[in-house]
């Protein structure tokens, strides 16, 4: 039977078995069943709800209890790693080359001819000391006549956002 709220009740009984079950509107079910076999009469109780399906019965197998001490993993002292003759030779060659490079005299930059660097790393000593006379420059050439009118090409990459302009 079920009421208008979703609660239900169900059950039956005969000479060999019996069952009864109650449920609620939230999907939870509680019940039990009983049956007889050659080993006797057995009863199983169960609950199914948000915590899963849980069952208890007198005919379910039970695992043996293990009361022994927990096993401890053996601890081994690690032996030091020994280099093979090839590795020892390669290490010796590397360190000899490294020491040879470290002891080598290195060149230094010749910055004495220039002044100190200015803001943003521009060297102030790189500029001429006096302004260059205008006579040193060649006379400006006349502007060449354009061969055709420039064309502005507009490409909308993403309408409403990105626009690309090109002058041909």
N, C-alpha and C. Protein backbone atom coordinates (compact mmCIF):
# COMPACT_ATOMS: atom_id res chain seq x y z
N UNK A 1 0.85 -1.18 0.00
CA UNK A 1 0.00 0.00 0.00
C UNK A 1 0.89 1.23 0.00
N UNK A 2 0.38 2.30 -0.61
CA UNK A 2 1.14 3.53 -0.68
C UNK A 2 0.18 4.69 -0.46
N UNK A 3 0.61 5.68 0.32
CA UNK A 3 -0.24 6.84 0.57
C UNK A 3 0.10 7.97 -0.39
N UNK A 4 -0.59 9.10 -0.28
CA UNK A 4 -0.39 10.21 -1.21
C UNK A 4 0.95 10.92 -1.02
N UNK A 5 1.67 10.64 0.07
CA UNK A 5 2.96 11.26 0.33
C UNK A 5 4.13 10.42 -0.18
N UNK A 6 3.90 9.24 -0.71
CA UNK A 6 4.94 8.39 -1.23
C UNK A 6 5.43 7.33 -0.25
N UNK A 7 4.86 7.26 0.93
CA UNK A 7 5.24 6.23 1.89
C UNK A 7 4.58 4.92 1.48
N UNK A 8 5.31 3.82 1.67
CA UNK A 8 4.75 2.53 1.26
C UNK A 8 4.96 1.49 2.34
N UNK A 9 4.10 0.48 2.28
CA UNK A 9 4.21 -0.68 3.17
C UNK A 9 3.82 -1.91 2.36
N UNK A 10 4.61 -2.98 2.54
CA UNK A 10 4.40 -4.17 1.73
C UNK A 10 4.76 -5.36 2.59
N UNK A 11 4.08 -6.47 2.43
CA UNK A 11 4.44 -7.66 3.17
C UNK A 11 3.61 -8.86 2.76
N UNK A 12 4.13 -10.05 3.08
CA UNK A 12 3.39 -11.29 2.87
C UNK A 12 3.94 -12.33 3.84
N UNK A 13 3.20 -13.42 3.97
CA UNK A 13 3.63 -14.52 4.84
C UNK A 13 2.99 -15.79 4.33
N UNK A 14 3.80 -16.89 4.25
CA UNK A 14 3.27 -18.21 3.93
C UNK A 14 4.01 -19.23 4.78
N UNK A 15 3.85 -20.50 4.47
CA UNK A 15 4.42 -21.55 5.31
C UNK A 15 5.94 -21.63 5.18
N UNK A 16 6.53 -21.20 4.00
CA UNK A 16 7.97 -21.31 3.79
C UNK A 16 8.74 -20.01 4.00
N UNK A 17 8.07 -18.85 3.88
CA UNK A 17 8.79 -17.59 3.98
C UNK A 17 7.85 -16.47 4.37
N UNK A 18 8.48 -15.33 4.75
CA UNK A 18 7.72 -14.14 5.08
C UNK A 18 8.57 -12.92 4.75
N UNK A 19 7.88 -11.82 4.41
CA UNK A 19 8.60 -10.60 4.09
C UNK A 19 7.75 -9.41 4.49
N UNK A 20 8.43 -8.37 4.99
CA UNK A 20 7.76 -7.10 5.27
C UNK A 20 8.73 -5.98 4.92
N UNK A 21 8.19 -4.87 4.34
CA UNK A 21 9.04 -3.77 3.89
C UNK A 21 8.28 -2.46 4.03
N UNK A 22 9.00 -1.42 4.50
CA UNK A 22 8.44 -0.07 4.60
C UNK A 22 9.36 0.87 3.84
N UNK A 23 8.77 1.83 3.14
CA UNK A 23 9.56 2.80 2.40
C UNK A 23 9.02 4.19 2.64
N UNK A 24 9.83 5.20 2.36
CA UNK A 24 9.38 6.57 2.52
C UNK A 24 9.52 7.32 1.21
N UNK A 25 9.06 8.57 1.19
CA UNK A 25 9.06 9.37 -0.03
C UNK A 25 10.46 9.74 -0.46
N UNK A 26 11.44 9.65 0.39
CA UNK A 26 12.82 10.01 0.05
C UNK A 26 13.61 8.86 -0.56
N UNK A 27 13.01 7.72 -0.77
CA UNK A 27 13.67 6.59 -1.39
C UNK A 27 14.27 5.60 -0.41
N UNK A 28 14.16 5.85 0.87
CA UNK A 28 14.69 4.92 1.86
C UNK A 28 13.75 3.74 2.06
N UNK A 29 14.34 2.55 2.22
CA UNK A 29 13.55 1.33 2.40
C UNK A 29 14.13 0.56 3.57
N UNK A 30 13.26 0.05 4.42
CA UNK A 30 13.65 -0.81 5.54
C UNK A 30 12.79 -2.05 5.48
N UNK A 31 13.40 -3.21 5.71
CA UNK A 31 12.60 -4.42 5.66
C UNK A 31 13.35 -5.62 6.19
N UNK A 32 12.65 -6.75 6.15
CA UNK A 32 13.25 -8.02 6.55
C UNK A 32 12.51 -9.14 5.84
N UNK A 33 13.20 -10.27 5.70
CA UNK A 33 12.55 -11.45 5.18
C UNK A 33 13.06 -12.67 5.92
N UNK A 34 12.23 -13.67 5.97
CA UNK A 34 12.53 -14.90 6.68
C UNK A 34 12.22 -16.06 5.74
N UNK A 35 13.08 -17.08 5.74
CA UNK A 35 12.83 -18.27 4.92
C UNK A 35 13.38 -19.48 5.65
N UNK A 36 12.89 -20.64 5.25
CA UNK A 36 13.33 -21.91 5.84
C UNK A 36 14.01 -22.74 4.76
N UNK A 37 15.12 -23.36 5.15
CA UNK A 37 15.80 -24.31 4.26
C UNK A 37 16.26 -25.49 5.09
N UNK A 38 17.10 -26.36 4.50
CA UNK A 38 17.54 -27.56 5.22
C UNK A 38 18.38 -27.24 6.44
N UNK A 39 18.97 -26.04 6.52
CA UNK A 39 19.79 -25.65 7.66
C UNK A 39 18.95 -25.00 8.76
N UNK A 40 17.69 -24.70 8.49
CA UNK A 40 16.82 -24.10 9.50
C UNK A 40 16.15 -22.84 8.98
N UNK A 41 15.63 -22.04 9.91
CA UNK A 41 14.94 -20.79 9.56
C UNK A 41 15.95 -19.64 9.65
N UNK A 42 15.99 -18.80 8.63
CA UNK A 42 16.94 -17.69 8.57
C UNK A 42 16.17 -16.38 8.42
N UNK A 43 16.65 -15.32 9.09
CA UNK A 43 16.06 -13.98 9.01
C UNK A 43 17.13 -13.00 8.56
N UNK A 44 16.78 -12.15 7.61
CA UNK A 44 17.68 -11.13 7.07
C UNK A 44 16.99 -9.78 7.20
N UNK A 45 17.68 -8.82 7.82
CA UNK A 45 17.17 -7.45 7.94
C UNK A 45 18.02 -6.56 7.04
N UNK A 46 17.38 -5.57 6.40
CA UNK A 46 18.12 -4.69 5.50
C UNK A 46 17.58 -3.27 5.57
N UNK A 47 18.46 -2.34 5.22
CA UNK A 47 18.14 -0.92 5.14
C UNK A 47 18.81 -0.40 3.87
N UNK A 48 18.04 0.33 3.05
CA UNK A 48 18.60 0.98 1.86
C UNK A 48 18.21 2.46 1.94
N UNK A 49 19.22 3.32 2.04
CA UNK A 49 18.96 4.76 2.14
C UNK A 49 20.15 5.53 1.58
N UNK A 50 20.31 6.79 1.98
CA UNK A 50 21.40 7.62 1.46
C UNK A 50 22.77 7.09 1.84
N UNK A 51 22.86 6.25 2.85
CA UNK A 51 24.15 5.69 3.29
C UNK A 51 24.47 4.37 2.60
N UNK A 52 23.63 3.93 1.67
CA UNK A 52 23.88 2.70 0.94
C UNK A 52 22.96 1.58 1.40
N UNK A 53 23.29 0.36 0.97
CA UNK A 53 22.52 -0.82 1.33
C UNK A 53 23.27 -1.56 2.43
N UNK A 54 22.60 -1.73 3.55
CA UNK A 54 23.21 -2.43 4.69
C UNK A 54 22.33 -3.62 5.04
N UNK A 55 22.99 -4.75 5.26
CA UNK A 55 22.25 -5.98 5.52
C UNK A 55 22.84 -6.69 6.74
N UNK A 56 21.99 -7.33 7.50
CA UNK A 56 22.41 -8.14 8.65
C UNK A 56 21.54 -9.39 8.65
N UNK A 57 22.19 -10.52 8.83
CA UNK A 57 21.44 -11.77 8.85
C UNK A 57 22.18 -12.82 9.63
N UNK A 58 21.45 -13.86 10.02
CA UNK A 58 22.06 -14.92 10.82
C UNK A 58 22.74 -15.97 9.95
N UNK A 59 22.57 -15.91 8.64
CA UNK A 59 23.19 -16.89 7.77
C UNK A 59 24.29 -16.31 6.88
N UNK A 60 24.69 -15.06 7.13
CA UNK A 60 25.76 -14.46 6.34
C UNK A 60 27.11 -14.89 6.86
N UNK A 61 28.08 -15.12 5.99
CA UNK A 61 29.39 -15.53 6.46
C UNK A 61 30.07 -14.39 7.22
N UNK A 62 30.87 -14.78 8.22
CA UNK A 62 31.59 -13.81 9.03
C UNK A 62 33.08 -14.09 8.86
N UNK A 63 33.83 -13.06 8.59
CA UNK A 63 35.27 -13.22 8.41
C UNK A 63 35.92 -13.52 9.75
N UNK A 64 36.99 -14.32 9.75
CA UNK A 64 37.68 -14.59 11.02
C UNK A 64 38.38 -13.33 11.52
N UNK A 65 38.52 -13.27 12.83
CA UNK A 65 39.20 -12.13 13.44
C UNK A 65 40.69 -12.39 13.42
N UNK A 66 41.45 -11.43 12.96
CA UNK A 66 42.90 -11.56 12.86
C UNK A 66 43.52 -10.74 13.97
N UNK A 67 44.08 -11.40 14.96
CA UNK A 67 44.63 -10.72 16.13
C UNK A 67 46.15 -10.75 16.18
N UNK A 68 46.80 -11.15 15.11
CA UNK A 68 48.25 -11.22 15.12
C UNK A 68 48.84 -9.82 15.04
N UNK A 69 50.11 -9.74 15.38
CA UNK A 69 50.80 -8.46 15.31
C UNK A 69 50.96 -8.04 13.85
N UNK A 70 50.96 -6.75 13.64
CA UNK A 70 51.14 -6.24 12.29
C UNK A 70 52.54 -6.54 11.80
N UNK A 71 52.67 -6.95 10.55
CA UNK A 71 54.00 -7.22 10.03
C UNK A 71 54.78 -5.91 9.85
N UNK A 72 56.07 -5.99 10.10
CA UNK A 72 56.94 -4.83 9.96
C UNK A 72 57.88 -5.08 8.78
N UNK A 73 57.94 -4.12 7.89
CA UNK A 73 58.80 -4.27 6.73
C UNK A 73 60.25 -4.23 7.17
N UNK A 74 61.09 -5.07 6.59
CA UNK A 74 62.51 -5.05 6.96
C UNK A 74 63.16 -3.76 6.51
N UNK A 75 64.07 -3.28 7.33
CA UNK A 75 64.80 -2.05 7.02
C UNK A 75 66.22 -2.45 6.64
N UNK A 76 66.62 -2.02 5.46
CA UNK A 76 67.95 -2.35 4.97
C UNK A 76 68.77 -1.07 4.92
N UNK A 77 69.99 -1.15 5.39
CA UNK A 77 70.89 -0.01 5.28
C UNK A 77 71.42 0.02 3.86
N UNK A 78 71.23 1.12 3.19
CA UNK A 78 71.65 1.22 1.80
C UNK A 78 73.17 1.28 1.70
N UNK A 79 73.71 0.53 0.79
CA UNK A 79 75.16 0.55 0.55
C UNK A 79 75.48 1.77 -0.29
N UNK A 80 76.64 2.37 -0.07
CA UNK A 80 76.99 3.54 -0.88
C UNK A 80 77.17 3.15 -2.34
N UNK A 81 76.84 4.08 -3.20
CA UNK A 81 76.96 3.84 -4.63
C UNK A 81 78.43 3.97 -5.03
N UNK A 82 78.92 2.98 -5.74
CA UNK A 82 80.32 2.96 -6.17
C UNK A 82 80.34 3.21 -7.67
N UNK A 83 81.16 4.18 -8.09
CA UNK A 83 81.27 4.49 -9.50
C UNK A 83 82.05 3.40 -10.22
N UNK A 84 81.62 3.11 -11.44
CA UNK A 84 82.37 2.18 -12.28
C UNK A 84 83.61 2.91 -12.78
N UNK A 85 84.60 2.18 -13.27
CA UNK A 85 85.82 2.84 -13.77
C UNK A 85 85.52 3.85 -14.89
N UNK A 86 84.54 3.56 -15.76
CA UNK A 86 84.20 4.49 -16.83
C UNK A 86 83.63 5.79 -16.27
N UNK A 87 82.75 5.68 -15.25
CA UNK A 87 82.15 6.87 -14.64
C UNK A 87 83.22 7.68 -13.91
N UNK A 88 84.11 7.01 -13.18
CA UNK A 88 85.16 7.73 -12.46
C UNK A 88 86.06 8.47 -13.45
N UNK A 89 86.38 7.84 -14.60
CA UNK A 89 87.22 8.49 -15.61
C UNK A 89 86.50 9.69 -16.22
N UNK A 90 85.20 9.56 -16.49
CA UNK A 90 84.44 10.68 -17.06
C UNK A 90 84.33 11.84 -16.07
N UNK A 91 84.15 11.53 -14.79
CA UNK A 91 84.09 12.58 -13.77
C UNK A 91 85.42 13.32 -13.67
N UNK A 92 86.51 12.57 -13.68
CA UNK A 92 87.84 13.18 -13.58
C UNK A 92 88.10 14.08 -14.79
N UNK A 93 87.70 13.64 -15.99
CA UNK A 93 87.89 14.45 -17.19
C UNK A 93 87.05 15.71 -17.13
N UNK A 94 85.83 15.59 -16.65
CA UNK A 94 84.97 16.76 -16.54
C UNK A 94 85.55 17.78 -15.57
N UNK A 95 85.93 17.34 -14.38
CA UNK A 95 86.43 18.29 -13.38
C UNK A 95 87.76 18.91 -13.82
N UNK A 96 88.59 18.16 -14.56
CA UNK A 96 89.83 18.74 -15.08
C UNK A 96 89.51 19.85 -16.08
N UNK A 97 88.55 19.60 -16.99
CA UNK A 97 88.16 20.62 -17.96
C UNK A 97 87.51 21.80 -17.27
N UNK A 98 86.72 21.54 -16.23
CA UNK A 98 86.05 22.61 -15.49
C UNK A 98 87.07 23.50 -14.79
N UNK A 99 88.05 22.89 -14.14
CA UNK A 99 89.09 23.68 -13.46
C UNK A 99 89.94 24.46 -14.46
N UNK A 100 90.20 23.88 -15.63
CA UNK A 100 90.98 24.59 -16.65
C UNK A 100 90.22 25.83 -17.13
N UNK A 101 88.91 25.73 -17.31
CA UNK A 101 88.11 26.88 -17.71
C UNK A 101 88.02 27.90 -16.59
N UNK A 102 87.90 27.45 -15.37
CA UNK A 102 87.76 28.36 -14.23
C UNK A 102 89.05 29.15 -14.00
N UNK A 103 90.19 28.55 -14.26
CA UNK A 103 91.46 29.24 -14.03
C UNK A 103 91.89 30.10 -15.21
N UNK A 104 91.23 30.00 -16.35
CA UNK A 104 91.56 30.76 -17.54
C UNK A 104 91.24 32.24 -17.32
N UNK A 105 92.10 33.12 -17.81
CA UNK A 105 91.83 34.55 -17.69
C UNK A 105 90.80 34.93 -18.74
N UNK A 106 89.86 35.70 -18.31
CA UNK A 106 88.77 36.07 -19.18
C UNK A 106 88.97 37.50 -19.67
N UNK A 107 88.48 37.77 -20.86
CA UNK A 107 88.54 39.12 -21.39
C UNK A 107 87.52 39.99 -20.67
N UNK A 108 87.80 41.26 -20.55
CA UNK A 108 86.83 42.17 -19.96
C UNK A 108 86.46 43.20 -21.00
N UNK A 109 85.29 43.76 -20.90
CA UNK A 109 84.81 44.75 -21.85
C UNK A 109 85.58 46.05 -21.66
N UNK A 110 85.91 46.70 -22.75
CA UNK A 110 86.65 47.96 -22.71
C UNK A 110 85.66 49.11 -22.72
N UNK A 111 85.17 49.52 -21.56
CA UNK A 111 84.21 50.60 -21.46
C UNK A 111 84.85 51.91 -21.05
N UNK A 112 86.18 51.98 -20.93
CA UNK A 112 86.84 53.19 -20.46
C UNK A 112 86.70 54.35 -21.42
N UNK A 113 86.55 54.11 -22.75
CA UNK A 113 86.48 55.19 -23.73
C UNK A 113 85.12 55.86 -23.72
N UNK A 114 84.15 55.21 -23.16
CA UNK A 114 82.79 55.76 -23.15
C UNK A 114 82.45 56.24 -21.75
N UNK A 115 81.50 57.16 -21.69
CA UNK A 115 81.05 57.67 -20.40
C UNK A 115 80.12 56.67 -19.73
N UNK A 116 79.64 57.02 -18.58
CA UNK A 116 78.72 56.13 -17.89
C UNK A 116 77.41 56.01 -18.67
N UNK A 117 76.70 54.93 -18.44
CA UNK A 117 75.45 54.73 -19.15
C UNK A 117 74.37 55.61 -18.55
N UNK A 118 73.49 56.07 -19.41
CA UNK A 118 72.40 56.93 -18.97
C UNK A 118 71.15 56.08 -18.73
N UNK A 119 70.06 56.75 -18.58
CA UNK A 119 68.76 56.09 -18.34
C UNK A 119 68.48 55.09 -19.46
N UNK A 120 67.95 53.96 -19.12
CA UNK A 120 67.57 52.88 -20.02
C UNK A 120 68.77 52.27 -20.73
N UNK A 121 69.96 52.42 -20.17
CA UNK A 121 71.12 51.74 -20.70
C UNK A 121 71.73 52.38 -21.92
N UNK A 122 71.33 53.60 -22.30
CA UNK A 122 71.94 54.27 -23.45
C UNK A 122 73.27 54.86 -23.02
N UNK A 123 74.30 54.59 -23.79
CA UNK A 123 75.63 55.10 -23.44
C UNK A 123 75.72 56.57 -23.86
N UNK A 124 76.02 57.43 -22.92
CA UNK A 124 76.11 58.86 -23.26
C UNK A 124 77.37 59.17 -24.03
N UNK A 125 78.40 58.38 -23.92
CA UNK A 125 79.65 58.66 -24.62
C UNK A 125 79.59 58.28 -26.09
N UNK A 126 78.52 57.66 -26.56
CA UNK A 126 78.44 57.25 -27.95
C UNK A 126 78.01 58.40 -28.85
N UNK A 127 77.44 59.46 -28.30
CA UNK A 127 76.98 60.58 -29.11
C UNK A 127 78.13 61.53 -29.35
N UNK A 128 78.16 62.22 -30.50
CA UNK A 128 79.25 63.18 -30.77
C UNK A 128 79.19 64.34 -29.79
N UNK A 129 80.34 64.91 -29.51
CA UNK A 129 80.42 65.98 -28.52
C UNK A 129 79.82 67.27 -29.05
N UNK A 130 79.99 67.58 -30.34
CA UNK A 130 79.48 68.83 -30.92
C UNK A 130 78.46 68.50 -31.99
N UNK A 131 77.50 69.39 -32.21
CA UNK A 131 76.52 69.13 -33.26
C UNK A 131 77.19 69.12 -34.63
N UNK A 132 76.71 68.29 -35.48
CA UNK A 132 77.26 68.17 -36.82
C UNK A 132 76.75 69.34 -37.65
N UNK A 133 77.61 69.93 -38.40
CA UNK A 133 77.22 71.09 -39.22
C UNK A 133 76.22 70.66 -40.27
N UNK A 134 75.30 71.58 -40.59
CA UNK A 134 74.26 71.28 -41.56
C UNK A 134 74.86 71.05 -42.94
N UNK A 135 76.05 71.60 -43.21
CA UNK A 135 76.67 71.44 -44.53
C UNK A 135 77.11 70.01 -44.76
N UNK A 136 77.25 69.24 -43.70
CA UNK A 136 77.70 67.85 -43.85
C UNK A 136 76.62 67.00 -44.49
N UNK A 137 75.39 67.42 -44.37
CA UNK A 137 74.29 66.66 -44.95
C UNK A 137 74.08 67.06 -46.38
N UNK A 138 73.66 66.13 -47.18
CA UNK A 138 73.36 66.43 -48.58
C UNK A 138 72.05 67.19 -48.64
N UNK A 139 71.84 67.90 -49.70
CA UNK A 139 70.59 68.65 -49.88
C UNK A 139 69.45 67.65 -50.01
N UNK A 140 68.33 67.97 -49.39
CA UNK A 140 67.21 67.03 -49.47
C UNK A 140 66.71 66.90 -50.90
N UNK A 141 66.32 65.71 -51.27
CA UNK A 141 65.81 65.46 -52.60
C UNK A 141 64.36 65.90 -52.68
N UNK A 142 63.91 66.22 -53.86
CA UNK A 142 62.51 66.57 -54.06
C UNK A 142 61.67 65.31 -53.88
N UNK A 143 60.51 65.50 -53.30
CA UNK A 143 59.63 64.35 -53.08
C UNK A 143 59.19 63.79 -54.41
N UNK A 144 59.23 62.49 -54.53
CA UNK A 144 58.80 61.83 -55.76
C UNK A 144 57.29 61.88 -55.86
N UNK A 145 56.81 62.01 -57.05
CA UNK A 145 55.36 62.05 -57.28
C UNK A 145 54.81 60.64 -57.07
N UNK A 146 53.66 60.52 -56.40
CA UNK A 146 53.09 59.18 -56.20
C UNK A 146 52.66 58.58 -57.52
N UNK A 147 52.87 57.27 -57.65
CA UNK A 147 52.51 56.60 -58.89
C UNK A 147 51.01 56.32 -58.95
N UNK A 148 50.36 56.20 -57.80
CA UNK A 148 48.91 56.01 -57.76
C UNK A 148 48.40 56.44 -56.40
N UNK A 149 47.12 56.52 -56.23
CA UNK A 149 46.50 56.91 -54.97
C UNK A 149 46.57 55.72 -54.00
N UNK A 150 46.84 55.99 -52.73
CA UNK A 150 46.88 54.93 -51.72
C UNK A 150 45.48 54.41 -51.44
N UNK A 151 45.37 53.12 -51.16
CA UNK A 151 44.08 52.49 -50.88
C UNK A 151 44.12 51.95 -49.46
N UNK A 152 43.13 52.35 -48.65
CA UNK A 152 43.03 51.87 -47.28
C UNK A 152 42.10 50.67 -47.26
N UNK A 153 42.61 49.51 -46.84
CA UNK A 153 41.82 48.29 -46.75
C UNK A 153 41.47 48.05 -45.29
N UNK A 154 40.20 47.86 -44.98
CA UNK A 154 39.73 47.59 -43.62
C UNK A 154 39.18 46.17 -43.57
N UNK A 155 39.68 45.36 -42.64
CA UNK A 155 39.22 43.99 -42.46
C UNK A 155 38.71 43.84 -41.05
N UNK A 156 37.43 43.43 -40.90
CA UNK A 156 36.86 43.21 -39.57
C UNK A 156 37.14 41.76 -39.18
N UNK A 157 38.05 41.58 -38.25
CA UNK A 157 38.44 40.23 -37.84
C UNK A 157 37.37 39.60 -36.95
N UNK A 158 36.83 40.38 -36.04
CA UNK A 158 35.78 39.90 -35.14
C UNK A 158 34.79 41.05 -35.05
N UNK A 159 33.63 40.96 -35.67
CA UNK A 159 32.72 42.10 -35.75
C UNK A 159 32.46 42.70 -34.37
N UNK A 160 32.65 44.00 -34.29
CA UNK A 160 32.43 44.71 -33.04
C UNK A 160 33.65 44.80 -32.17
N UNK A 161 34.75 44.12 -32.54
CA UNK A 161 35.93 44.10 -31.67
C UNK A 161 37.20 44.43 -32.44
N UNK A 162 37.76 43.47 -33.13
CA UNK A 162 39.07 43.62 -33.74
C UNK A 162 38.93 44.05 -35.20
N UNK A 163 39.71 45.07 -35.58
CA UNK A 163 39.71 45.58 -36.96
C UNK A 163 41.17 45.68 -37.41
N UNK A 164 41.44 45.25 -38.64
CA UNK A 164 42.77 45.29 -39.21
C UNK A 164 42.75 46.30 -40.36
N UNK A 165 43.72 47.21 -40.39
CA UNK A 165 43.84 48.23 -41.44
C UNK A 165 45.13 47.98 -42.22
N UNK A 166 45.05 48.12 -43.54
CA UNK A 166 46.24 47.97 -44.38
C UNK A 166 46.19 49.04 -45.46
N UNK A 167 47.31 49.71 -45.70
CA UNK A 167 47.41 50.72 -46.75
C UNK A 167 48.17 50.11 -47.90
N UNK A 168 47.53 50.05 -49.06
CA UNK A 168 48.15 49.49 -50.28
C UNK A 168 48.56 50.60 -51.19
